[in-house]
Amino acid sequence: MAARRASTIFNVVVLLIGAVALGLLLHNLGWDSTRRAILHTGLWFAVIAAIDLASVSCDAFAVHGFLRPRVRVAYWKVFAAQVSGLAINRLTPANSLGEPVKVTMLSRHVPTNVAVSAIVMFNLTTIYFGIAAIVIGVPLTALMLELPHRVAVVVWIGMFVLIGLAIAIAVIVRRGAVATLIDLSTKLRVISVERGARWRLEIAEIDTRLRELGDAQSSGFKRGLLGVLGSRVFNWTGTVAVLYAANIPMTASLVIASLSVGILITWMSNVIPLGLGLADGTNYALYGLLGASPEAGLVFTMVNRLRTVVLAMLGLAIMTLANFVHRSRTEHERVTRAEPR
């Protein structure tokens, strides 16, 4: 009961933080800029929003798939957790606060270790897809365009760094990702040796599940992989739709760069909510290099932000509803147990 109460309090606090962050971001974006971007894209904005919703639905399908080998849970509960966590990620720095939101919301219906392993498996699969797109697309962009020498050097260095990161993640997962983190914390004396040993026992099943990542014989992995692939396809389709709606000339080099270098920009800009400032300047320079007007990069960035705002508003609304339903159900169970038989 105490753990359930702590989970509810955590989600309510995070929900309030997300609501305040959304208000501040809408204020910073400004109504005039928002209205111009929506009018500029017209009905395409609704199409793009529908594509983004389909992408999030595929994300939830992937998490649902990673859960299935251990426990059965209704898809809509997984969807609520995924879209709620996504909203918090997009509205807070480092793009990570939403992950414990997903876990705590899923933990209402499945064991915590199962929820953690499913979310981590989903995140790892998504990262590998993103790295693959960058590793393929960034060199193609460099070869198709006459990039300045310094930019080309950064591109190639970035590619090899990502390859190294992918290999390092694979090695750590095989060794035991969570156990490795606990061992590091023990060596740095962040936690005691005794506590580290106790935690290792508690997370053993999580690391065992993570080692199954990539097992082609696992039905859960197949569903998870299919969901992540579907999500990436919808996400890329949405990006192309933004280019079209913003009247940006879609050359092959521009599309490839948007789907590869654009991911790099997104990852870098996640250090601050919606990439305010960083994404603007980077896309301004990038689209100038790609043959479009630098201003087109600003339009693209603004429309992408509005995509995120729409998803964030949807996520916060669903998170509010899910917490209300959970609280009502918990209160009903408490009253039922207290009634004399």
Protein backbone atom coordinates (compact mmCIF):
# COMPACT_ATOMS: atom_id res chain seq x y z
CA MET A 1 0.00 0.00 0.00
CA ALA A 2 2.83 2.42 0.86
CA ALA A 3 4.52 1.74 -2.48
CA ARG A 4 1.24 2.33 -4.33
CA ARG A 5 0.70 5.62 -2.48
CA ALA A 6 4.28 6.73 -3.26
CA SER A 7 3.74 5.88 -6.93
CA THR A 8 0.56 7.96 -7.05
CA ILE A 9 2.22 10.94 -5.35
CA PHE A 10 5.16 10.74 -7.76
CA ASN A 11 2.90 10.72 -10.81
CA VAL A 12 0.81 13.63 -9.53
CA VAL A 13 3.94 15.71 -8.83
CA VAL A 14 5.38 14.92 -12.27
CA LEU A 15 2.02 15.72 -13.87
CA LEU A 16 2.02 19.15 -12.22
CA ILE A 17 5.61 19.74 -13.37
CA GLY A 18 4.60 18.78 -16.91
CA ALA A 19 1.58 21.10 -16.87
CA VAL A 20 3.70 24.05 -15.68
CA ALA A 21 6.40 23.25 -18.26
CA LEU A 22 3.79 23.10 -21.03
CA GLY A 23 2.42 26.49 -20.02
CA LEU A 24 5.89 28.06 -20.00
CA LEU A 25 6.75 26.56 -23.38
CA LEU A 26 3.53 27.75 -24.98
CA HIS A 27 4.28 31.21 -23.59
CA ASN A 28 7.82 31.12 -25.02
CA LEU A 29 6.62 29.93 -28.43
CA GLY A 30 4.15 32.79 -28.61
CA TRP A 31 0.64 32.73 -30.03
CA ASP A 32 1.56 34.65 -33.19
CA SER A 33 4.36 32.24 -34.15
CA THR A 34 2.16 29.25 -33.34
CA ARG A 35 -0.75 30.60 -35.39
CA ARG A 36 1.49 31.38 -38.38
CA ALA A 37 2.99 27.87 -38.34
CA ILE A 38 -0.45 26.23 -38.17
CA LEU A 39 -1.85 28.43 -40.95
CA HIS A 40 1.28 27.81 -43.03
CA THR A 41 0.75 24.04 -42.94
CA GLY A 42 -3.05 24.18 -43.14
CA LEU A 43 -4.89 20.83 -43.09
CA TRP A 44 -1.55 19.08 -43.28
CA PHE A 45 -1.07 19.88 -39.59
CA ALA A 46 -3.99 17.59 -38.72
CA VAL A 47 -2.53 14.88 -40.99
CA ILE A 48 0.85 15.22 -39.29
CA ALA A 49 -0.80 15.00 -35.84
CA ALA A 50 -2.59 11.79 -36.90
CA ILE A 51 0.70 10.31 -38.13
CA ASP A 52 2.36 11.14 -34.80
CA LEU A 53 -0.50 9.47 -32.92
CA ALA A 54 0.01 6.36 -35.06
CA SER A 55 3.73 6.46 -34.20
CA VAL A 56 3.02 6.56 -30.46
CA SER A 57 0.49 3.74 -30.86
CA CYS A 58 3.27 1.63 -32.42
CA ASP A 59 5.57 2.52 -29.51
CA ALA A 60 2.93 1.20 -27.11
CA PHE A 61 2.53 -1.93 -29.26
CA ALA A 62 6.29 -2.50 -28.95
CA VAL A 63 6.27 -2.16 -25.15
CA HIS A 64 3.19 -4.39 -25.02
CA GLY A 65 5.11 -6.96 -27.06
CA PHE A 66 8.10 -6.89 -24.71
CA LEU A 67 5.71 -7.44 -21.78
CA ARG A 68 3.79 -10.37 -23.29
CA PRO A 69 6.31 -13.17 -22.61
CA ARG A 70 6.03 -12.47 -18.86
CA VAL A 71 2.57 -11.04 -18.26
CA ARG A 72 -0.65 -10.18 -20.09
CA VAL A 73 -1.93 -6.62 -19.73
CA ALA A 74 -4.49 -4.60 -21.68
CA TYR A 75 -2.99 -2.61 -24.55
CA TRP A 76 -4.73 0.64 -23.55
CA LYS A 77 -2.96 0.57 -20.16
CA VAL A 78 0.40 0.31 -21.91
CA PHE A 79 -0.61 3.09 -24.32
CA ALA A 80 -1.56 5.36 -21.40
CA ALA A 81 1.83 4.77 -19.74
CA GLN A 82 3.78 5.27 -22.98
CA VAL A 83 2.07 8.49 -24.09
CA SER A 84 2.20 9.91 -20.54
CA GLY A 85 5.93 9.24 -20.28
CA LEU A 86 6.50 10.66 -23.75
CA ALA A 87 4.75 13.89 -22.79
CA ILE A 88 6.88 14.31 -19.67
CA ASN A 89 10.06 13.51 -21.63
CA ARG A 90 9.31 16.18 -24.20
CA LEU A 91 8.54 18.81 -21.58
CA THR A 92 11.48 18.32 -19.22
CA PRO A 93 15.28 18.56 -19.66
CA ALA A 94 17.38 15.50 -20.62
CA ASN A 95 14.33 13.72 -22.11
CA SER A 96 14.40 11.11 -19.33
CA LEU A 97 11.97 11.99 -16.50
CA GLY A 98 9.19 10.27 -18.42
CA GLU A 99 10.85 6.84 -18.13
CA PRO A 100 10.08 6.39 -14.39
CA VAL A 101 6.57 7.67 -15.16
CA LYS A 102 6.13 4.81 -17.64
CA VAL A 103 7.46 2.30 -15.12
CA THR A 104 5.32 3.50 -12.21
CA MET A 105 2.17 3.54 -14.33
CA LEU A 106 2.87 0.06 -15.70
CA SER A 107 3.74 -1.20 -12.19
CA ARG A 108 0.10 -0.73 -11.24
CA HIS A 109 -0.71 -3.68 -13.51
CA VAL A 110 2.51 -5.75 -13.80
CA PRO A 111 5.49 -6.57 -11.52
CA THR A 112 7.98 -3.70 -11.34
CA ASN A 113 10.92 -5.73 -12.66
CA VAL A 114 8.87 -6.77 -15.70
CA ALA A 115 7.88 -3.14 -16.34
CA VAL A 116 11.50 -1.95 -16.05
CA SER A 117 12.85 -4.62 -18.41
CA ALA A 118 10.14 -3.91 -21.03
CA ILE A 119 10.79 -0.15 -21.01
CA VAL A 120 14.57 -0.63 -21.18
CA MET A 121 14.22 -3.15 -24.04
CA PHE A 122 12.02 -0.69 -25.91
CA ASN A 123 14.49 2.15 -25.38
CA LEU A 124 17.48 0.06 -26.48
CA THR A 125 15.70 -1.10 -29.63
CA THR A 126 14.70 2.49 -30.44
CA ILE A 127 18.28 3.70 -29.89
CA TYR A 128 19.65 1.03 -32.23
CA PHE A 129 17.17 2.01 -34.93
CA GLY A 130 18.16 5.66 -34.52
CA ILE A 131 21.87 4.88 -34.65
CA ALA A 132 21.37 2.73 -37.75
CA ALA A 133 19.57 5.60 -39.51
CA ILE A 134 22.36 8.02 -38.58
CA VAL A 135 25.17 5.64 -39.56
CA ILE A 136 23.56 5.08 -42.97
CA GLY A 137 22.21 8.55 -43.64
CA VAL A 138 24.94 10.86 -42.36
CA PRO A 139 27.72 9.53 -44.65
CA LEU A 140 25.27 9.63 -47.59
CA THR A 141 24.56 13.27 -46.78
CA ALA A 142 28.28 14.01 -46.61
CA LEU A 143 28.88 12.32 -49.98
CA MET A 144 25.92 13.96 -51.73
CA LEU A 145 26.73 17.45 -50.52
CA GLU A 146 29.91 19.48 -50.52
CA LEU A 147 30.06 20.00 -46.82
CA PRO A 148 32.69 22.31 -45.33
CA HIS A 149 35.79 20.43 -44.18
CA ARG A 150 35.10 20.96 -40.48
CA VAL A 151 31.51 19.80 -40.82
CA ALA A 152 32.59 16.68 -42.75
CA VAL A 153 35.15 15.84 -40.03
CA VAL A 154 32.48 16.14 -37.33
CA VAL A 155 30.09 13.96 -39.37
CA TRP A 156 32.59 11.11 -39.78
CA ILE A 157 33.76 11.32 -36.16
CA GLY A 158 30.14 11.28 -35.03
CA MET A 159 29.45 8.17 -37.09
CA PHE A 160 32.34 6.22 -35.55
CA VAL A 161 31.41 7.40 -32.06
CA LEU A 162 27.89 6.08 -32.56
CA ILE A 163 29.19 2.75 -33.83
CA GLY A 164 31.37 2.52 -30.73
CA LEU A 165 28.39 3.42 -28.55
CA ALA A 166 26.26 0.69 -30.15
CA ILE A 167 28.97 -1.90 -29.53
CA ALA A 168 29.47 -0.72 -25.94
CA ILE A 169 25.73 -0.96 -25.22
CA ALA A 170 25.64 -4.50 -26.63
CA VAL A 171 28.58 -5.56 -24.44
CA ILE A 172 27.10 -3.98 -21.32
CA VAL A 173 23.72 -5.63 -21.92
CA ARG A 174 25.39 -9.03 -22.29
CA ARG A 175 27.34 -8.47 -19.06
CA GLY A 176 24.23 -7.27 -17.26
CA ALA A 177 23.30 -3.62 -17.79
CA VAL A 178 21.73 -2.90 -14.40
CA ALA A 179 24.29 -5.03 -12.54
CA THR A 180 27.11 -3.11 -14.24
CA LEU A 181 25.55 0.17 -13.10
CA ILE A 182 25.26 -1.13 -9.54
CA ASP A 183 28.89 -2.32 -9.58
CA LEU A 184 30.03 1.10 -10.77
CA SER A 185 28.01 2.80 -8.02
CA THR A 186 29.59 0.47 -5.47
CA LYS A 187 33.12 1.21 -6.70
CA LEU A 188 32.43 4.94 -6.57
CA ARG A 189 31.04 4.43 -3.05
CA VAL A 190 27.70 5.90 -4.01
CA ILE A 191 26.09 2.87 -2.36
CA SER A 192 27.47 0.40 0.15
CA VAL A 193 28.80 -3.03 -0.81
CA GLU A 194 26.01 -4.69 1.19
CA ARG A 195 23.29 -2.69 -0.51
CA GLY A 196 24.89 -3.32 -3.90
CA ALA A 197 24.82 -7.07 -3.29
CA ARG A 198 21.17 -6.92 -2.23
CA TRP A 199 20.21 -4.87 -5.27
CA ARG A 200 22.03 -7.26 -7.61
CA LEU A 201 19.80 -10.08 -6.40
CA GLU A 202 16.67 -7.97 -6.86
CA ILE A 203 17.49 -6.95 -10.45
CA ALA A 204 18.84 -10.32 -11.65
CA GLU A 205 15.64 -11.08 -13.57
CA ILE A 206 15.77 -7.69 -15.32
CA ASP A 207 19.26 -8.36 -16.69
CA THR A 208 18.20 -11.86 -17.71
CA ARG A 209 15.32 -10.37 -19.72
CA LEU A 210 17.60 -7.77 -21.33
CA ARG A 211 19.97 -10.50 -22.51
CA GLU A 212 17.05 -11.90 -24.52
CA LEU A 213 17.02 -8.72 -26.62
CA GLY A 214 17.66 -9.78 -30.19
CA ASP A 215 16.39 -13.35 -29.73
CA ALA A 216 14.62 -13.90 -33.05
CA GLN A 217 12.78 -16.91 -31.59
CA SER A 218 11.06 -14.78 -28.97
CA SER A 219 7.50 -13.79 -29.93
CA GLY A 220 7.81 -10.82 -27.57
CA PHE A 221 10.92 -9.60 -29.36
CA LYS A 222 9.25 -9.97 -32.76
CA ARG A 223 6.26 -7.88 -31.64
CA GLY A 224 8.54 -5.32 -30.00
CA LEU A 225 10.73 -5.05 -33.09
CA LEU A 226 7.68 -4.71 -35.34
CA GLY A 227 6.29 -1.96 -33.12
CA VAL A 228 9.55 0.03 -33.08
CA LEU A 229 9.91 -0.38 -36.85
CA GLY A 230 6.34 0.83 -37.38
CA SER A 231 6.95 3.77 -35.08
CA ARG A 232 10.10 4.81 -36.97
CA VAL A 233 8.31 4.53 -40.33
CA PHE A 234 5.45 6.73 -39.11
CA ASN A 235 7.91 9.16 -37.54
CA TRP A 236 9.89 9.45 -40.78
CA THR A 237 6.64 9.83 -42.74
CA GLY A 238 5.64 12.65 -40.41
CA THR A 239 8.97 14.38 -40.98
CA VAL A 240 8.53 14.17 -44.77
CA ALA A 241 4.98 15.50 -44.36
CA VAL A 242 6.35 18.48 -42.41
CA LEU A 243 8.80 19.19 -45.23
CA TYR A 244 5.98 19.09 -47.77
CA ALA A 245 3.59 21.14 -45.64
CA ALA A 246 6.27 23.79 -45.04
CA ASN A 247 6.80 24.08 -48.84
CA ILE A 248 10.43 23.02 -48.52
CA PRO A 249 11.82 21.63 -51.83
CA MET A 250 12.29 17.92 -51.20
CA THR A 251 15.51 16.88 -52.84
CA ALA A 252 16.98 13.45 -52.11
CA SER A 253 19.84 14.94 -50.09
CA LEU A 254 17.45 17.07 -48.01
CA VAL A 255 15.16 14.14 -47.15
CA ILE A 256 18.09 11.86 -46.25
CA ALA A 257 19.66 14.59 -44.14
CA SER A 258 16.37 15.32 -42.36
CA LEU A 259 15.95 11.63 -41.47
CA SER A 260 19.55 11.18 -40.28
CA VAL A 261 21.24 14.45 -39.34
CA GLY A 262 17.82 15.55 -38.11
CA ILE A 263 17.90 12.70 -35.57
CA LEU A 264 21.28 13.92 -34.33
CA ILE A 265 19.88 17.43 -33.91
CA THR A 266 16.87 16.05 -32.04
CA TRP A 267 19.05 14.00 -29.70
CA MET A 268 21.30 16.98 -29.00
CA SER A 269 18.39 19.37 -28.52
CA ASN A 270 16.75 17.05 -25.97
CA VAL A 271 19.00 18.54 -23.29
CA ILE A 272 16.43 21.38 -23.10
CA PRO A 273 12.65 21.18 -23.58
CA LEU A 274 11.70 21.22 -27.28
CA GLY A 275 15.30 22.14 -28.14
CA LEU A 276 14.56 25.84 -27.73
CA GLY A 277 17.46 27.82 -29.22
CA LEU A 278 19.68 24.87 -30.16
CA ALA A 279 17.36 23.34 -32.77
CA ASP A 280 16.62 26.73 -34.31
CA GLY A 281 20.24 27.64 -35.01
CA THR A 282 21.28 24.16 -36.12
CA ASN A 283 18.38 23.68 -38.55
CA TYR A 284 18.84 27.26 -39.82
CA ALA A 285 22.41 26.39 -40.84
CA LEU A 286 21.60 22.85 -42.03
CA TYR A 287 18.79 23.80 -44.41
CA GLY A 288 20.95 26.57 -45.84
CA LEU A 289 23.59 23.94 -46.69
CA LEU A 290 20.93 21.65 -48.19
CA GLY A 291 19.86 24.17 -50.79
CA ALA A 292 16.70 25.36 -49.07
CA SER A 293 16.44 28.80 -47.51
CA PRO A 294 17.77 29.05 -43.93
CA GLU A 295 14.33 30.38 -42.95
CA ALA A 296 12.88 27.03 -44.07
CA GLY A 297 14.86 25.44 -41.24
CA LEU A 298 13.12 27.75 -38.77
CA VAL A 299 9.68 26.85 -40.17
CA PHE A 300 10.54 23.14 -39.98
CA THR A 301 11.70 23.54 -36.37
CA MET A 302 8.55 25.44 -35.37
CA VAL A 303 6.19 22.89 -36.93
CA ASN A 304 8.14 20.06 -35.26
CA ARG A 305 7.74 21.84 -31.93
CA LEU A 306 4.01 22.11 -32.46
CA ARG A 307 3.91 18.37 -33.20
CA THR A 308 5.54 17.83 -29.82
CA VAL A 309 3.18 20.25 -28.07
CA VAL A 310 0.13 18.42 -29.44
CA LEU A 311 1.50 15.06 -28.27
CA ALA A 312 2.41 16.57 -24.90
CA MET A 313 -1.10 17.94 -24.41
CA LEU A 314 -2.60 14.57 -25.35
CA GLY A 315 -0.18 12.77 -23.03
CA LEU A 316 -0.91 15.03 -20.06
CA ALA A 317 -4.66 14.64 -20.61
CA ILE A 318 -4.38 10.84 -20.72
CA MET A 319 -2.04 10.85 -17.72
CA THR A 320 -4.58 12.91 -15.75
CA LEU A 321 -7.40 10.53 -16.70
CA ALA A 322 -5.32 7.43 -15.92
CA ASN A 323 -4.36 8.76 -12.48
CA PHE A 324 -7.98 9.69 -11.74
CA VAL A 325 -9.19 6.21 -12.71
CA HIS A 326 -6.42 4.57 -10.69
CA ARG A 327 -7.20 6.68 -7.63
CA SER A 328 -10.93 5.96 -7.89
CA ARG A 329 -10.30 2.23 -8.25
CA THR A 330 -7.86 2.21 -5.32
CA GLU A 331 -10.35 4.07 -3.13
CA HIS A 332 -13.10 1.64 -4.13
CA GLU A 333 -10.90 -1.34 -3.22
CA ARG A 334 -10.06 0.25 0.14
CA VAL A 335 -13.72 0.84 0.97
CA THR A 336 -14.65 -2.68 -0.16
CA ARG A 337 -12.02 -4.24 2.10
CA ALA A 338 -13.17 -2.10 5.03
CA GLU A 339 -16.82 -3.14 4.75
CA PRO A 340 -17.92 -5.81 7.24
CA ARG A 341 -18.63 -9.19 5.74
